[in-house]
Amino acid sequence: MQVTTPLSDALARYLDLTTQQMKFTAENIANVDTPGYKTKGFDFEQEFARQLDLSEVSKQVGVQGQEVDGLVSRPDGNNVSMDREGVQMAKAQLQFKLGVQLLKNEYSTVMSAIHAEAK
């Protein structure tokens, strides 16, 4: 039996998006020396808000990365910045840790409620 709450469902979506952000960052880093490669990413806050508004069925669709605007390209056409990607990875790691902690707190609250009923 799986116990979910509206908050735990939202936190699961948050963690999925954080994981997706880390995948885009890893892909960008892997292609730092690929001529013509353009940095990919997505607007995390906007996508999270969209995910919260969608029906359960629609939430199963993955995030499509888009080319990030406003980055400076090198002469070979590649615009991956290791400084930017390092910041993005650190941000995603902090978001993931926050999401895990909030999810642990939510399940702790649910378990407390279950045990309170048993007493």
PDB file of N, CA and C in Angstrom:
ATOM      1  N   MET A   1       0.841  -1.179   0.000  1.00  0.00           N
ATOM      2  CA  MET A   1       0.000   0.000   0.000  1.00  0.00           C
ATOM      3  C   MET A   1       0.888   1.245   0.000  1.00  0.00           C
ATOM      4  N   GLN A   2       0.596   2.125  -0.918  1.00  0.00           N
ATOM      5  CA  GLN A   2       1.368   3.351  -1.024  1.00  0.00           C
ATOM      6  C   GLN A   2       0.556   4.499  -0.435  1.00  0.00           C
ATOM      7  N   VAL A   3       1.162   5.242   0.469  1.00  0.00           N
ATOM      8  CA  VAL A   3       0.504   6.390   1.093  1.00  0.00           C
ATOM      9  C   VAL A   3       1.007   7.654   0.405  1.00  0.00           C
ATOM     10  N   THR A   4       0.083   8.400  -0.165  1.00  0.00           N
ATOM     11  CA  THR A   4       0.450   9.680  -0.776  1.00  0.00           C
ATOM     12  C   THR A   4      -0.468  10.769  -0.249  1.00  0.00           C
ATOM     13  N   THR A   5       0.060  11.948  -0.271  1.00  0.00           N
ATOM     14  CA  THR A   5      -0.718  13.135   0.081  1.00  0.00           C
ATOM     15  C   THR A   5      -0.530  14.133  -1.055  1.00  0.00           C
ATOM     16  N   PRO A   6      -1.348  15.152  -1.130  1.00  0.00           N
ATOM     17  CA  PRO A   6      -1.119  16.169  -2.175  1.00  0.00           C
ATOM     18  C   PRO A   6       0.284  16.771  -2.098  1.00  0.00           C
ATOM     19  N   LEU A   7       0.786  16.965  -0.873  1.00  0.00           N
ATOM     20  CA  LEU A   7       2.133  17.524  -0.732  1.00  0.00           C
ATOM     21  C   LEU A   7       3.207  16.532  -1.180  1.00  0.00           C
ATOM     22  N   SER A   8       3.044  15.265  -0.839  1.00  0.00           N
ATOM     23  CA  SER A   8       4.048  14.280  -1.263  1.00  0.00           C
ATOM     24  C   SER A   8       4.044  14.120  -2.781  1.00  0.00           C
ATOM     25  N   ASP A   9       2.873  14.224  -3.405  1.00  0.00           N
ATOM     26  CA  ASP A   9       2.810  14.172  -4.866  1.00  0.00           C
ATOM     27  C   ASP A   9       3.523  15.370  -5.484  1.00  0.00           C
ATOM     28  N   ALA A  10       3.301  16.538  -4.926  1.00  0.00           N
ATOM     29  CA  ALA A  10       3.971  17.747  -5.436  1.00  0.00           C
ATOM     30  C   ALA A  10       5.481  17.643  -5.239  1.00  0.00           C
ATOM     31  N   LEU A  11       5.899  17.103  -4.107  1.00  0.00           N
ATOM     32  CA  LEU A  11       7.343  16.963  -3.856  1.00  0.00           C
ATOM     33  C   LEU A  11       7.966  15.929  -4.795  1.00  0.00           C
ATOM     34  N   ALA A  12       7.217  14.899  -5.131  1.00  0.00           N
ATOM     35  CA  ALA A  12       7.726  13.919  -6.098  1.00  0.00           C
ATOM     36  C   ALA A  12       7.954  14.595  -7.451  1.00  0.00           C
ATOM     37  N   ARG A  13       7.031  15.456  -7.862  1.00  0.00           N
ATOM     38  CA  ARG A  13       7.191  16.205  -9.128  1.00  0.00           C
ATOM     39  C   ARG A  13       8.406  17.129  -9.034  1.00  0.00           C
ATOM     40  N   TYR A  14       8.574  17.746  -7.903  1.00  0.00           N
ATOM     41  CA  TYR A  14       9.715  18.639  -7.672  1.00  0.00           C
ATOM     42  C   TYR A  14      11.026  17.860  -7.816  1.00  0.00           C
ATOM     43  N   LEU A  15      11.086  16.679  -7.210  1.00  0.00           N
ATOM     44  CA  LEU A  15      12.307  15.866  -7.298  1.00  0.00           C
ATOM     45  C   LEU A  15      12.544  15.382  -8.721  1.00  0.00           C
ATOM     46  N   ASP A  16      11.470  15.012  -9.428  1.00  0.00           N
ATOM     47  CA  ASP A  16      11.619  14.595 -10.835  1.00  0.00           C
ATOM     48  C   ASP A  16      12.203  15.730 -11.674  1.00  0.00           C
ATOM     49  N   LEU A  17      11.707  16.938 -11.472  1.00  0.00           N
ATOM     50  CA  LEU A  17      12.214  18.083 -12.244  1.00  0.00           C
ATOM     51  C   LEU A  17      13.658  18.400 -11.883  1.00  0.00           C
ATOM     52  N   THR A  18      13.986  18.259 -10.616  1.00  0.00           N
ATOM     53  CA  THR A  18      15.374  18.489 -10.192  1.00  0.00           C
ATOM     54  C   THR A  18      16.301  17.475 -10.851  1.00  0.00           C
ATOM     55  N   THR A  19      15.865  16.232 -10.908  1.00  0.00           N
ATOM     56  CA  THR A  19      16.645  15.189 -11.574  1.00  0.00           C
ATOM     57  C   THR A  19      16.811  15.512 -13.054  1.00  0.00           C
ATOM     58  N   GLN A  20      15.728  15.988 -13.672  1.00  0.00           N
ATOM     59  CA  GLN A  20      15.805  16.353 -15.093  1.00  0.00           C
ATOM     60  C   GLN A  20      16.794  17.496 -15.301  1.00  0.00           C
ATOM     61  N   GLN A  21      16.807  18.452 -14.380  1.00  0.00           N
ATOM     62  CA  GLN A  21      17.746  19.570 -14.485  1.00  0.00           C
ATOM     63  C   GLN A  21      19.190  19.063 -14.415  1.00  0.00           C
ATOM     64  N   MET A  22      19.432  18.098 -13.527  1.00  0.00           N
ATOM     65  CA  MET A  22      20.780  17.535 -13.413  1.00  0.00           C
ATOM     66  C   MET A  22      21.169  16.795 -14.700  1.00  0.00           C
ATOM     67  N   LYS A  23      20.207  16.133 -15.332  1.00  0.00           N
ATOM     68  CA  LYS A  23      20.500  15.430 -16.594  1.00  0.00           C
ATOM     69  C   LYS A  23      20.889  16.414 -17.697  1.00  0.00           C
ATOM     70  N   PHE A  24      20.155  17.524 -17.790  1.00  0.00           N
ATOM     71  CA  PHE A  24      20.510  18.534 -18.797  1.00  0.00           C
ATOM     72  C   PHE A  24      21.900  19.107 -18.520  1.00  0.00           C
ATOM     73  N   THR A  25      22.194  19.367 -17.262  1.00  0.00           N
ATOM     74  CA  THR A  25      23.505  19.905 -16.904  1.00  0.00           C
ATOM     75  C   THR A  25      24.605  18.907 -17.253  1.00  0.00           C
ATOM     76  N   ALA A  26      24.392  17.635 -16.937  1.00  0.00           N
ATOM     77  CA  ALA A  26      25.383  16.609 -17.263  1.00  0.00           C
ATOM     78  C   ALA A  26      25.576  16.508 -18.780  1.00  0.00           C
ATOM     79  N   GLU A  27      24.481  16.600 -19.529  1.00  0.00           N
ATOM     80  CA  GLU A  27      24.565  16.552 -20.995  1.00  0.00           C
ATOM     81  C   GLU A  27      25.346  17.755 -21.524  1.00  0.00           C
ATOM     82  N   ASN A  28      25.092  18.920 -20.944  1.00  0.00           N
ATOM     83  CA  ASN A  28      25.819  20.126 -21.375  1.00  0.00           C
ATOM     84  C   ASN A  28      27.315  19.988 -21.088  1.00  0.00           C
ATOM     85  N   ILE A  29      27.652  19.476 -19.907  1.00  0.00           N
ATOM     86  CA  ILE A  29      29.066  19.302 -19.549  1.00  0.00           C
ATOM     87  C   ILE A  29      29.729  18.282 -20.475  1.00  0.00           C
ATOM     88  N   ALA A  30      29.001  17.200 -20.772  1.00  0.00           N
ATOM     89  CA  ALA A  30      29.556  16.165 -21.655  1.00  0.00           C
ATOM     90  C   ALA A  30      29.842  16.699 -23.054  1.00  0.00           C
ATOM     91  N   ASN A  31      29.123  17.740 -23.446  1.00  0.00           N
ATOM     92  CA  ASN A  31      29.290  18.284 -24.799  1.00  0.00           C
ATOM     93  C   ASN A  31      30.060  19.595 -24.824  1.00  0.00           C
ATOM     94  N   VAL A  32      30.831  19.871 -23.786  1.00  0.00           N
ATOM     95  CA  VAL A  32      31.556  21.144 -23.721  1.00  0.00           C
ATOM     96  C   VAL A  32      32.546  21.306 -24.878  1.00  0.00           C
ATOM     97  N   ASP A  33      33.035  20.214 -25.433  1.00  0.00           N
ATOM     98  CA  ASP A  33      33.994  20.291 -26.543  1.00  0.00           C
ATOM     99  C   ASP A  33      33.385  19.926 -27.892  1.00  0.00           C
ATOM    100  N   THR A  34      32.081  19.806 -27.969  1.00  0.00           N
ATOM    101  CA  THR A  34      31.409  19.453 -29.222  1.00  0.00           C
ATOM    102  C   THR A  34      31.144  20.717 -30.037  1.00  0.00           C
ATOM    103  N   PRO A  35      31.785  20.853 -31.198  1.00  0.00           N
ATOM    104  CA  PRO A  35      31.551  22.054 -32.013  1.00  0.00           C
ATOM    105  C   PRO A  35      30.069  22.220 -32.371  1.00  0.00           C
ATOM    106  N   GLY A  36      29.577  23.441 -32.209  1.00  0.00           N
ATOM    107  CA  GLY A  36      28.201  23.755 -32.584  1.00  0.00           C
ATOM    108  C   GLY A  36      27.150  23.377 -31.550  1.00  0.00           C
ATOM    109  N   TYR A  37      27.545  22.716 -30.473  1.00  0.00           N
ATOM    110  CA  TYR A  37      26.563  22.306 -29.463  1.00  0.00           C
ATOM    111  C   TYR A  37      26.031  23.542 -28.734  1.00  0.00           C
ATOM    112  N   LYS A  38      24.735  23.567 -28.503  1.00  0.00           N
ATOM    113  CA  LYS A  38      24.092  24.671 -27.795  1.00  0.00           C
ATOM    114  C   LYS A  38      23.582  24.183 -26.437  1.00  0.00           C
ATOM    115  N   THR A  39      23.815  24.952 -25.402  1.00  0.00           N
ATOM    116  CA  THR A  39      23.393  24.627 -24.046  1.00  0.00           C
ATOM    117  C   THR A  39      21.884  24.438 -23.981  1.00  0.00           C
ATOM    118  N   LYS A  40      21.463  23.340 -23.298  1.00  0.00           N
ATOM    119  CA  LYS A  40      20.034  23.050 -23.144  1.00  0.00           C
ATOM    120  C   LYS A  40      19.631  23.195 -21.689  1.00  0.00           C
ATOM    121  N   GLY A  41      18.385  23.518 -21.478  1.00  0.00           N
ATOM    122  CA  GLY A  41      17.854  23.650 -20.134  1.00  0.00           C
ATOM    123  C   GLY A  41      16.372  23.968 -20.187  1.00  0.00           C
ATOM    124  N   PHE A  42      15.800  24.273 -19.031  1.00  0.00           N
ATOM    125  CA  PHE A  42      14.401  24.683 -18.955  1.00  0.00           C
ATOM    126  C   PHE A  42      14.225  25.585 -17.744  1.00  0.00           C
ATOM    127  N   ASP A  43      13.120  26.324 -17.741  1.00  0.00           N
ATOM    128  CA  ASP A  43      12.792  27.210 -16.620  1.00  0.00           C
ATOM    129  C   ASP A  43      12.162  26.359 -15.524  1.00  0.00           C
ATOM    130  N   PHE A  44      12.929  26.081 -14.470  1.00  0.00           N
ATOM    131  CA  PHE A  44      12.489  25.161 -13.418  1.00  0.00           C
ATOM    132  C   PHE A  44      11.200  25.642 -12.749  1.00  0.00           C
ATOM    133  N   GLU A  45      11.167  26.882 -12.334  1.00  0.00           N
ATOM    134  CA  GLU A  45      10.009  27.400 -11.607  1.00  0.00           C
ATOM    135  C   GLU A  45       8.750  27.364 -12.469  1.00  0.00           C
ATOM    136  N   GLN A  46       8.895  27.754 -13.720  1.00  0.00           N
ATOM    137  CA  GLN A  46       7.744  27.765 -14.628  1.00  0.00           C
ATOM    138  C   GLN A  46       7.252  26.336 -14.875  1.00  0.00           C
ATOM    139  N   GLU A  47       8.171  25.392 -15.069  1.00  0.00           N
ATOM    140  CA  GLU A  47       7.781  24.010 -15.322  1.00  0.00           C
ATOM    141  C   GLU A  47       7.145  23.386 -14.080  1.00  0.00           C
ATOM    142  N   PHE A  48       7.666  23.698 -12.901  1.00  0.00           N
ATOM    143  CA  PHE A  48       7.083  23.169 -11.668  1.00  0.00           C
ATOM    144  C   PHE A  48       5.656  23.700 -11.489  1.00  0.00           C
ATOM    145  N   ALA A  49       5.458  24.982 -11.731  1.00  0.00           N
ATOM    146  CA  ALA A  49       4.114  25.558 -11.639  1.00  0.00           C
ATOM    147  C   ALA A  49       3.183  24.897 -12.644  1.00  0.00           C
ATOM    148  N   ARG A  50       3.683  24.633 -13.855  1.00  0.00           N
ATOM    149  CA  ARG A  50       2.868  23.973 -14.876  1.00  0.00           C
ATOM    150  C   ARG A  50       2.515  22.559 -14.429  1.00  0.00           C
ATOM    151  N   GLN A  51       3.484  21.845 -13.858  1.00  0.00           N
ATOM    152  CA  GLN A  51       3.245  20.476 -13.394  1.00  0.00           C
ATOM    153  C   GLN A  51       2.176  20.437 -12.300  1.00  0.00           C
ATOM    154  N   LEU A  52       2.174  21.437 -11.426  1.00  0.00           N
ATOM    155  CA  LEU A  52       1.184  21.469 -10.352  1.00  0.00           C
ATOM    156  C   LEU A  52      -0.223  21.728 -10.877  1.00  0.00           C
ATOM    157  N   ASP A  53      -0.323  22.366 -12.028  1.00  0.00           N
ATOM    158  CA  ASP A  53      -1.634  22.678 -12.603  1.00  0.00           C
ATOM    159  C   ASP A  53      -2.181  21.576 -13.493  1.00  0.00           C
ATOM    160  N   LEU A  54      -1.343  20.618 -13.895  1.00  0.00           N
ATOM    161  CA  LEU A  54      -1.771  19.598 -14.844  1.00  0.00           C
ATOM    162  C   LEU A  54      -2.497  18.458 -14.157  1.00  0.00           C
ATOM    163  N   SER A  55      -3.268  17.721 -14.936  1.00  0.00           N
ATOM    164  CA  SER A  55      -3.937  16.529 -14.422  1.00  0.00           C
ATOM    165  C   SER A  55      -2.899  15.433 -14.206  1.00  0.00           C
ATOM    166  N   GLU A  56      -3.262  14.406 -13.489  1.00  0.00           N
ATOM    167  CA  GLU A  56      -2.344  13.312 -13.168  1.00  0.00           C
ATOM    168  C   GLU A  56      -1.779  12.654 -14.432  1.00  0.00           C
ATOM    169  N   VAL A  57      -2.610  12.449 -15.439  1.00  0.00           N
ATOM    170  CA  VAL A  57      -2.162  11.783 -16.661  1.00  0.00           C
ATOM    171  C   VAL A  57      -1.126  12.635 -17.389  1.00  0.00           C
ATOM    172  N   SER A  58      -1.361  13.933 -17.458  1.00  0.00           N
ATOM    173  CA  SER A  58      -0.454  14.817 -18.180  1.00  0.00           C
ATOM    174  C   SER A  58       0.894  14.950 -17.503  1.00  0.00           C
ATOM    175  N   LYS A  59       0.958  14.719 -16.192  1.00  0.00           N
ATOM    176  CA  LYS A  59       2.205  14.888 -15.468  1.00  0.00           C
ATOM    177  C   LYS A  59       3.248  13.836 -15.828  1.00  0.00           C
ATOM    178  N   GLN A  60       2.849  12.788 -16.504  1.00  0.00           N
ATOM    179  CA  GLN A  60       3.773  11.727 -16.849  1.00  0.00           C
ATOM    180  C   GLN A  60       4.702  12.121 -17.999  1.00  0.00           C
ATOM    181  N   VAL A  61       4.405  13.191 -18.703  1.00  0.00           N
ATOM    182  CA  VAL A  61       5.211  13.625 -19.840  1.00  0.00           C
ATOM    183  C   VAL A  61       6.508  14.251 -19.339  1.00  0.00           C
ATOM    184  N   GLY A  62       7.626  13.900 -19.967  1.00  0.00           N
ATOM    185  CA  GLY A  62       8.917  14.438 -19.577  1.00  0.00           C
ATOM    186  C   GLY A  62       9.087  15.880 -20.016  1.00  0.00           C
ATOM    187  N   VAL A  63      10.119  16.500 -19.514  1.00  0.00           N
ATOM    188  CA  VAL A  63      10.414  17.892 -19.823  1.00  0.00           C
ATOM    189  C   VAL A  63      11.256  17.949 -21.089  1.00  0.00           C
ATOM    190  N   GLN A  64      10.880  18.830 -21.987  1.00  0.00           N
ATOM    191  CA  GLN A  64      11.655  19.039 -23.201  1.00  0.00           C
ATOM    192  C   GLN A  64      12.624  20.197 -22.950  1.00  0.00           C
ATOM    193  N   GLY A  65      13.892  19.937 -23.150  1.00  0.00           N
ATOM    194  CA  GLY A  65      14.885  20.983 -22.989  1.00  0.00           C
ATOM    195  C   GLY A  65      14.874  21.921 -24.177  1.00  0.00           C
ATOM    196  N   GLN A  66      15.211  23.157 -23.893  1.00  0.00           N
ATOM    197  CA  GLN A  66      15.288  24.151 -24.952  1.00  0.00           C
ATOM    198  C   GLN A  66      16.667  24.778 -24.925  1.00  0.00           C
ATOM    199  N   GLU A  67      17.039  25.328 -26.044  1.00  0.00           N
ATOM    200  CA  GLU A  67      18.307  26.036 -26.107  1.00  0.00           C
ATOM    201  C   GLU A  67      18.230  27.256 -25.194  1.00  0.00           C
ATOM    202  N   VAL A  68      19.264  27.454 -24.387  1.00  0.00           N
ATOM    203  CA  VAL A  68      19.296  28.571 -23.453  1.00  0.00           C
ATOM    204  C   VAL A  68      19.749  29.816 -24.206  1.00  0.00           C
ATOM    205  N   ASP A  69      18.945  30.865 -24.112  1.00  0.00           N
ATOM    206  CA  ASP A  69      19.252  32.117 -24.804  1.00  0.00           C
ATOM    207  C   ASP A  69      20.247  32.960 -24.010  1.00  0.00           C
ATOM    208  N   GLY A  70      20.928  33.830 -24.702  1.00  0.00           N
ATOM    209  CA  GLY A  70      21.773  34.828 -24.060  1.00  0.00           C
ATOM    210  C   GLY A  70      23.165  34.375 -23.682  1.00  0.00           C
ATOM    211  N   LEU A  71      23.592  33.189 -24.115  1.00  0.00           N
ATOM    212  CA  LEU A  71      24.935  32.722 -23.787  1.00  0.00           C
ATOM    213  C   LEU A  71      25.890  33.069 -24.919  1.00  0.00           C
ATOM    214  N   VAL A  72      27.126  33.314 -24.577  1.00  0.00           N
ATOM    215  CA  VAL A  72      28.146  33.677 -25.559  1.00  0.00           C
ATOM    216  C   VAL A  72      28.710  32.408 -26.202  1.00  0.00           C
ATOM    217  N   SER A  73      28.735  32.398 -27.527  1.00  0.00           N
ATOM    218  CA  SER A  73      29.278  31.247 -28.249  1.00  0.00           C
ATOM    219  C   SER A  73      30.763  31.441 -28.519  1.00  0.00           C
ATOM    220  N   ARG A  74      31.489  30.331 -28.491  1.00  0.00           N
ATOM    221  CA  ARG A  74      32.907  30.354 -28.876  1.00  0.00           C
ATOM    222  C   ARG A  74      32.985  30.311 -30.401  1.00  0.00           C
ATOM    223  N   PRO A  75      34.185  30.489 -30.958  1.00  0.00           N
ATOM    224  CA  PRO A  75      34.308  30.481 -32.419  1.00  0.00           C
ATOM    225  C   PRO A  75      33.815  29.187 -33.074  1.00  0.00           C
ATOM    226  N   ASP A  76      33.836  28.050 -32.334  1.00  0.00           N
ATOM    227  CA  ASP A  76      33.352  26.798 -32.927  1.00  0.00           C
ATOM    228  C   ASP A  76      31.831  26.646 -32.827  1.00  0.00           C
ATOM    229  N   GLY A  77      31.129  27.660 -32.298  1.00  0.00           N
ATOM    230  CA  GLY A  77      29.670  27.628 -32.211  1.00  0.00           C
ATOM    231  C   GLY A  77      29.138  27.033 -30.923  1.00  0.00           C
ATOM    232  N   ASN A  78      30.003  26.468 -30.091  1.00  0.00           N
ATOM    233  CA  ASN A  78      29.592  25.878 -28.814  1.00  0.00           C
ATOM    234  C   ASN A  78      29.428  27.008 -27.787  1.00  0.00           C
ATOM    235  N   ASN A  79      28.345  26.944 -26.995  1.00  0.00           N
ATOM    236  CA  ASN A  79      28.136  28.001 -26.002  1.00  0.00           C
ATOM    237  C   ASN A  79      28.044  27.457 -24.570  1.00  0.00           C
ATOM    238  N   VAL A  80      28.595  26.270 -24.324  1.00  0.00           N
ATOM    239  CA  VAL A  80      28.576  25.703 -22.978  1.00  0.00           C
ATOM    240  C   VAL A  80      29.613  26.424 -22.115  1.00  0.00           C
ATOM    241  N   SER A  81      29.157  26.900 -20.960  1.00  0.00           N
ATOM    242  CA  SER A  81      30.039  27.547 -19.986  1.00  0.00           C
ATOM    243  C   SER A  81      30.143  26.631 -18.776  1.00  0.00           C
ATOM    244  N   MET A  82      31.359  26.192 -18.471  1.00  0.00           N
ATOM    245  CA  MET A  82      31.543  25.310 -17.319  1.00  0.00           C
ATOM    246  C   MET A  82      31.198  26.032 -16.020  1.00  0.00           C
ATOM    247  N   ASP A  83      31.422  27.350 -15.965  1.00  0.00           N
ATOM    248  CA  ASP A  83      31.039  28.110 -14.777  1.00  0.00           C
ATOM    249  C   ASP A  83      29.523  28.056 -14.574  1.00  0.00           C
ATOM    250  N   ARG A  84      28.780  28.299 -15.641  1.00  0.00           N
ATOM    251  CA  ARG A  84      27.317  28.254 -15.559  1.00  0.00           C
ATOM    252  C   ARG A  84      26.847  26.859 -15.170  1.00  0.00           C
ATOM    253  N   GLU A  85      27.425  25.851 -15.796  1.00  0.00           N
ATOM    254  CA  GLU A  85      26.984  24.472 -15.521  1.00  0.00           C
ATOM    255  C   GLU A  85      27.311  24.063 -14.085  1.00  0.00           C
ATOM    256  N   GLY A  86      28.437  24.536 -13.559  1.00  0.00           N
ATOM    257  CA  GLY A  86      28.775  24.250 -12.164  1.00  0.00           C
ATOM    258  C   GLY A  86      27.752  24.855 -11.209  1.00  0.00           C
ATOM    259  N   VAL A  87      27.336  26.082 -11.501  1.00  0.00           N
ATOM    260  CA  VAL A  87      26.324  26.746 -10.677  1.00  0.00           C
ATOM    261  C   VAL A  87      24.984  26.006 -10.800  1.00  0.00           C
ATOM    262  N   GLN A  88      24.634  25.610 -12.031  1.00  0.00           N
ATOM    263  CA  GLN A  88      23.378  24.884 -12.243  1.00  0.00           C
ATOM    264  C   GLN A  88      23.373  23.554 -11.487  1.00  0.00           C
ATOM    265  N   MET A  89      24.504  22.849 -11.500  1.00  0.00           N
ATOM    266  CA  MET A  89      24.575  21.559 -10.812  1.00  0.00           C
ATOM    267  C   MET A  89      24.471  21.753  -9.303  1.00  0.00           C
ATOM    268  N   ALA A  90      25.159  22.757  -8.765  1.00  0.00           N
ATOM    269  CA  ALA A  90      25.075  23.025  -7.322  1.00  0.00           C
ATOM    270  C   ALA A  90      23.648  23.397  -6.926  1.00  0.00           C
ATOM    271  N   LYS A  91      22.998  24.215  -7.741  1.00  0.00           N
ATOM    272  CA  LYS A  91      21.611  24.613  -7.473  1.00  0.00           C
ATOM    273  C   LYS A  91      20.687  23.392  -7.486  1.00  0.00           C
ATOM    274  N   ALA A  92      20.854  22.542  -8.482  1.00  0.00           N
ATOM    275  CA  ALA A  92      20.010  21.343  -8.583  1.00  0.00           C
ATOM    276  C   ALA A  92      20.245  20.398  -7.405  1.00  0.00           C
ATOM    277  N   GLN A  93      21.487  20.278  -6.965  1.00  0.00           N
ATOM    278  CA  GLN A  93      21.781  19.406  -5.820  1.00  0.00           C
ATOM    279  C   GLN A  93      21.127  19.944  -4.547  1.00  0.00           C
ATOM    280  N   LEU A  94      21.186  21.256  -4.345  1.00  0.00           N
ATOM    281  CA  LEU A  94      20.538  21.850  -3.171  1.00  0.00           C
ATOM    282  C   LEU A  94      19.024  21.685  -3.240  1.00  0.00           C
ATOM    283  N   GLN A  95      18.451  21.880  -4.427  1.00  0.00           N
ATOM    284  CA  GLN A  95      17.010  21.690  -4.587  1.00  0.00           C
ATOM    285  C   GLN A  95      16.625  20.240  -4.287  1.00  0.00           C
ATOM    286  N   PHE A  96      17.441  19.300  -4.750  1.00  0.00           N
ATOM    287  CA  PHE A  96      17.141  17.888  -4.520  1.00  0.00           C
ATOM    288  C   PHE A  96      17.194  17.566  -3.024  1.00  0.00           C
ATOM    289  N   LYS A  97      18.233  18.048  -2.347  1.00  0.00           N
ATOM    290  CA  LYS A  97      18.343  17.802  -0.901  1.00  0.00           C
ATOM    291  C   LYS A  97      17.159  18.403  -0.161  1.00  0.00           C
ATOM    292  N   LEU A  98      16.743  19.604  -0.546  1.00  0.00           N
ATOM    293  CA  LEU A  98      15.584  20.241   0.075  1.00  0.00           C
ATOM    294  C   LEU A  98      14.323  19.405  -0.154  1.00  0.00           C
ATOM    295  N   GLY A  99      14.129  18.958  -1.379  1.00  0.00           N
ATOM    296  CA  GLY A  99      12.954  18.143  -1.693  1.00  0.00           C
ATOM    297  C   GLY A  99      12.920  16.849  -0.905  1.00  0.00           C
ATOM    298  N   VAL A 100      14.062  16.190  -0.777  1.00  0.00           N
ATOM    299  CA  VAL A 100      14.134  14.938  -0.007  1.00  0.00           C
ATOM    300  C   VAL A 100      13.813  15.203   1.456  1.00  0.00           C
ATOM    301  N   GLN A 101      14.367  16.277   2.012  1.00  0.00           N
ATOM    302  CA  GLN A 101      14.098  16.596   3.417  1.00  0.00           C
ATOM    303  C   GLN A 101      12.624  16.909   3.649  1.00  0.00           C
ATOM    304  N   LEU A 102      12.026  17.673   2.750  1.00  0.00           N
ATOM    305  CA  LEU A 102      10.603  17.991   2.886  1.00  0.00           C
ATOM    306  C   LEU A 102       9.746  16.735   2.751  1.00  0.00           C
ATOM    307  N   LEU A 103      10.137  15.843   1.847  1.00  0.00           N
ATOM    308  CA  LEU A 103       9.390  14.591   1.678  1.00  0.00           C
ATOM    309  C   LEU A 103       9.516  13.712   2.922  1.00  0.00           C
ATOM    310  N   LYS A 104      10.710  13.653   3.495  1.00  0.00           N
ATOM    311  CA  LYS A 104      10.897  12.891   4.733  1.00  0.00           C
ATOM    312  C   LYS A 104      10.031  13.464   5.853  1.00  0.00           C
ATOM    313  N   ASN A 105       9.970  14.783   5.948  1.00  0.00           N
ATOM    314  CA  ASN A 105       9.133  15.414   6.972  1.00  0.00           C
ATOM    315  C   ASN A 105       7.654  15.103   6.748  1.00  0.00           C
ATOM    316  N   GLU A 106       7.223  15.112   5.494  1.00  0.00           N
ATOM    317  CA  GLU A 106       5.823  14.813   5.182  1.00  0.00           C
ATOM    318  C   GLU A 106       5.488  13.387   5.592  1.00  0.00           C
ATOM    319  N   TYR A 107       6.339  12.432   5.254  1.00  0.00           N
ATOM    320  CA  TYR A 107       6.065  11.037   5.621  1.00  0.00           C
ATOM    321  C   TYR A 107       6.163  10.836   7.129  1.00  0.00           C
ATOM    322  N   SER A 108       7.033  11.573   7.783  1.00  0.00           N
ATOM    323  CA  SER A 108       7.113  11.496   9.237  1.00  0.00           C
ATOM    324  C   SER A 108       5.803  11.971   9.865  1.00  0.00           C
ATOM    325  N   THR A 109       5.230  13.034   9.311  1.00  0.00           N
ATOM    326  CA  THR A 109       3.946  13.541   9.796  1.00  0.00           C
ATOM    327  C   THR A 109       2.842  12.511   9.577  1.00  0.00           C
ATOM    328  N   VAL A 110       2.833  11.884   8.408  1.00  0.00           N
ATOM    329  CA  VAL A 110       1.822  10.851   8.118  1.00  0.00           C
ATOM    330  C   VAL A 110       1.980   9.680   9.085  1.00  0.00           C
ATOM    331  N   MET A 111       3.216   9.259   9.324  1.00  0.00           N
ATOM    332  CA  MET A 111       3.446   8.138  10.240  1.00  0.00           C
ATOM    333  C   MET A 111       3.027   8.498  11.663  1.00  0.00           C
ATOM    334  N   SER A 112       3.264   9.724  12.067  1.00  0.00           N
ATOM    335  CA  SER A 112       2.833  10.169  13.390  1.00  0.00           C
ATOM    336  C   SER A 112       1.314  10.120  13.505  1.00  0.00           C
ATOM    337  N   ALA A 113       0.634  10.525  12.456  1.00  0.00           N
ATOM    338  CA  ALA A 113      -0.831  10.483  12.457  1.00  0.00           C
ATOM    339  C   ALA A 113      -1.334   9.042  12.523  1.00  0.00           C
ATOM    340  N   ILE A 114      -0.685   8.146  11.824  1.00  0.00           N
ATOM    341  CA  ILE A 114      -1.082   6.732  11.844  1.00  0.00           C
ATOM    342  C   ILE A 114      -0.865   6.145  13.238  1.00  0.00           C
ATOM    343  N   HIS A 115       0.255   6.436  13.832  1.00  0.00           N
ATOM    344  CA  HIS A 115       0.543   5.901  15.165  1.00  0.00           C
ATOM    345  C   HIS A 115      -0.337   6.543  16.228  1.00  0.00           C
ATOM    346  N   ALA A 116      -0.724   7.795  16.039  1.00  0.00           N
ATOM    347  CA  ALA A 116      -1.609   8.458  16.999  1.00  0.00           C
ATOM    348  C   ALA A 116      -2.975   7.789  17.016  1.00  0.00           C
ATOM    349  N   GLU A 117      -3.431   7.333  15.826  1.00  0.00           N
ATOM    350  CA  GLU A 117      -4.719   6.632  15.740  1.00  0.00           C
ATOM    351  C   GLU A 117      -4.656   5.280  16.437  1.00  0.00           C
ATOM    352  N   ALA A 118      -3.479   4.650  16.429  1.00  0.00           N
ATOM    353  CA  ALA A 118      -3.323   3.317  17.015  1.00  0.00           C
ATOM    354  C   ALA A 118      -3.286   3.351  18.538  1.00  0.00           C
ATOM    355  N   LYS A 119      -2.999   4.511  19.123  1.00  0.00           N
ATOM    356  CA  LYS A 119      -2.887   4.592  20.598  1.00  0.00           C
ATOM    357  C   LYS A 119      -4.228   4.709  21.259  1.00  0.00           C
TER     358      LYS A 119
END
